[in-house]
Amino acid sequence: GDWLGHCQACSVPEIGNVFNRCGIDFHQVTGVLEDDPVCWREIDAWVEAARVASVLENNRLGLMGHYYNGMLDIYTNLTLLCGTFGGHIEIVEVAELVGLRATVGDDAVQTRVADFRR
């Protein structure tokens, strides 16, 4: 009958099996479209997680200086960060940054500040 045309959950085992065989993690949210705040909170959390993952994948992170072994309060594993999320990390020494800044004129600084405020 026509009930199968309206039963989207019927495809979950099939697509889940495909994902498993391909080694792709997946998660199922079960609920109804209306009057199901628990379901929609879970969906909102997944959408926010996807947004954060996208931002991290497409980001450019600048790191000034280098860590030393005792800096456990602020240490970040940059290799793991890039390997997990992608993105680009640029490590710049303070002296290098001072040298770069010396080559930038006031007009270029004002233009870049205006870009940031857009």
Protein backbone atom coordinates (compact mmCIF):
# COMPACT_ATOMS: atom_id res chain seq x y z
CA GLY A 1 0.00 0.00 0.00
CA ASP A 2 0.77 3.64 0.05
CA TRP A 3 1.94 3.52 3.69
CA LEU A 4 5.45 2.62 2.53
CA GLY A 5 5.66 5.91 0.61
CA HIS A 6 5.25 7.77 3.93
CA CYS A 7 7.45 5.56 6.11
CA GLN A 8 10.89 7.17 5.96
CA ALA A 9 12.09 5.08 8.92
CA CYS A 10 11.78 1.94 6.77
CA SER A 11 14.98 2.88 4.92
CA VAL A 12 17.06 3.27 8.10
CA PRO A 13 18.24 -0.38 8.32
CA GLU A 14 19.25 -0.41 4.65
CA ILE A 15 21.17 2.87 4.67
CA GLY A 16 22.62 2.00 8.08
CA ASN A 17 23.96 -1.25 6.66
CA VAL A 18 25.53 0.59 3.73
CA PHE A 19 27.21 3.05 6.10
CA ASN A 20 28.50 0.23 8.30
CA ARG A 21 29.94 -1.68 5.35
CA CYS A 22 31.68 1.48 4.14
CA GLY A 23 33.03 2.33 7.58
CA ILE A 24 31.01 5.56 7.81
CA ASP A 25 29.79 6.57 11.26
CA PHE A 26 26.13 7.49 11.39
CA HIS A 27 23.60 8.40 14.03
CA GLN A 28 19.84 8.06 13.92
CA VAL A 29 17.44 10.50 15.55
CA THR A 30 14.02 9.07 16.20
CA GLY A 31 11.01 11.29 16.77
CA VAL A 32 8.16 13.12 15.08
CA LEU A 33 8.08 16.39 13.16
CA GLU A 34 5.72 18.22 15.50
CA ASP A 35 5.47 18.46 19.29
CA ASP A 36 8.64 16.50 19.99
CA PRO A 37 11.06 18.88 21.78
CA VAL A 38 13.44 16.07 22.80
CA CYS A 39 13.90 15.02 19.18
CA TRP A 40 14.39 18.60 17.97
CA ARG A 41 16.93 19.39 20.71
CA GLU A 42 18.96 16.42 19.51
CA ILE A 43 18.68 17.53 15.89
CA ASP A 44 19.69 21.08 16.87
CA ALA A 45 22.75 19.67 18.65
CA TRP A 46 23.78 17.69 15.54
CA VAL A 47 23.30 20.73 13.30
CA GLU A 48 25.44 22.86 15.65
CA ALA A 49 28.13 20.15 15.73
CA ALA A 50 28.16 20.09 11.92
CA ARG A 51 28.46 23.89 11.86
CA VAL A 52 31.42 23.82 14.25
CA ALA A 53 33.12 21.04 12.25
CA SER A 54 32.69 23.07 9.06
CA VAL A 55 34.17 26.19 10.66
CA LEU A 56 37.15 24.21 11.94
CA GLU A 57 37.69 22.53 8.57
CA ASN A 58 37.79 25.87 6.75
CA ASN A 59 39.61 27.98 9.33
CA ARG A 60 43.02 29.57 9.35
CA LEU A 61 44.59 29.59 12.80
CA GLY A 62 47.58 31.74 13.65
CA LEU A 63 49.89 30.71 16.47
CA MET A 64 52.45 33.16 17.73
CA GLY A 65 55.57 31.58 19.22
CA HIS A 66 56.10 27.99 20.27
CA TYR A 67 54.92 25.97 23.24
CA TYR A 68 57.29 24.46 25.72
CA ASN A 69 56.59 21.26 27.65
CA GLY A 70 55.45 23.02 30.83
CA MET A 71 52.62 24.94 29.15
CA LEU A 72 49.99 22.28 29.83
CA ASP A 73 47.27 24.85 30.57
CA ILE A 74 47.26 26.18 27.02
CA TYR A 75 48.86 23.43 24.96
CA THR A 76 47.04 22.29 21.83
CA ASN A 77 48.05 19.30 19.72
CA LEU A 78 48.23 21.06 16.35
CA THR A 79 48.81 17.84 14.42
CA LEU A 80 45.74 16.24 15.94
CA LEU A 81 43.68 19.40 15.34
CA CYS A 82 44.56 19.48 11.63
CA GLY A 83 44.26 15.71 11.26
CA THR A 84 40.81 15.68 12.83
CA PHE A 85 39.22 18.81 11.42
CA GLY A 86 41.44 20.02 8.59
CA GLY A 87 42.14 23.71 8.31
CA HIS A 88 45.42 25.59 8.16
CA ILE A 89 47.76 26.60 10.97
CA GLU A 90 50.44 29.23 10.53
CA ILE A 91 53.12 29.39 13.23
CA VAL A 92 54.85 32.76 13.42
CA GLU A 93 57.66 33.76 15.75
CA VAL A 94 57.32 37.14 17.48
CA ALA A 95 60.44 38.55 15.77
CA GLU A 96 59.08 37.42 12.39
CA LEU A 97 55.76 39.14 13.12
CA VAL A 98 57.54 42.38 14.07
CA GLY A 99 59.45 42.25 10.78
CA LEU A 100 56.27 41.65 8.78
CA ARG A 101 54.48 44.51 10.55
CA ALA A 102 57.31 46.89 9.70
CA THR A 103 56.65 46.31 5.98
CA VAL A 104 52.94 47.20 6.17
CA GLY A 105 51.89 50.82 5.64
CA ASP A 106 49.15 52.65 7.53
CA ASP A 107 46.78 52.57 4.53
CA ALA A 108 47.02 48.78 4.31
CA VAL A 109 46.36 48.50 8.06
CA GLN A 110 43.24 50.69 7.81
CA THR A 111 41.98 48.70 4.81
CA ARG A 112 42.41 45.40 6.66
CA VAL A 113 40.72 46.75 9.82
CA ALA A 114 37.79 47.86 7.66
CA ASP A 115 37.62 44.34 6.18
CA PHE A 116 37.43 42.85 9.68
CA ARG A 117 34.54 45.14 10.61
CA ARG A 118 32.42 44.12 7.62
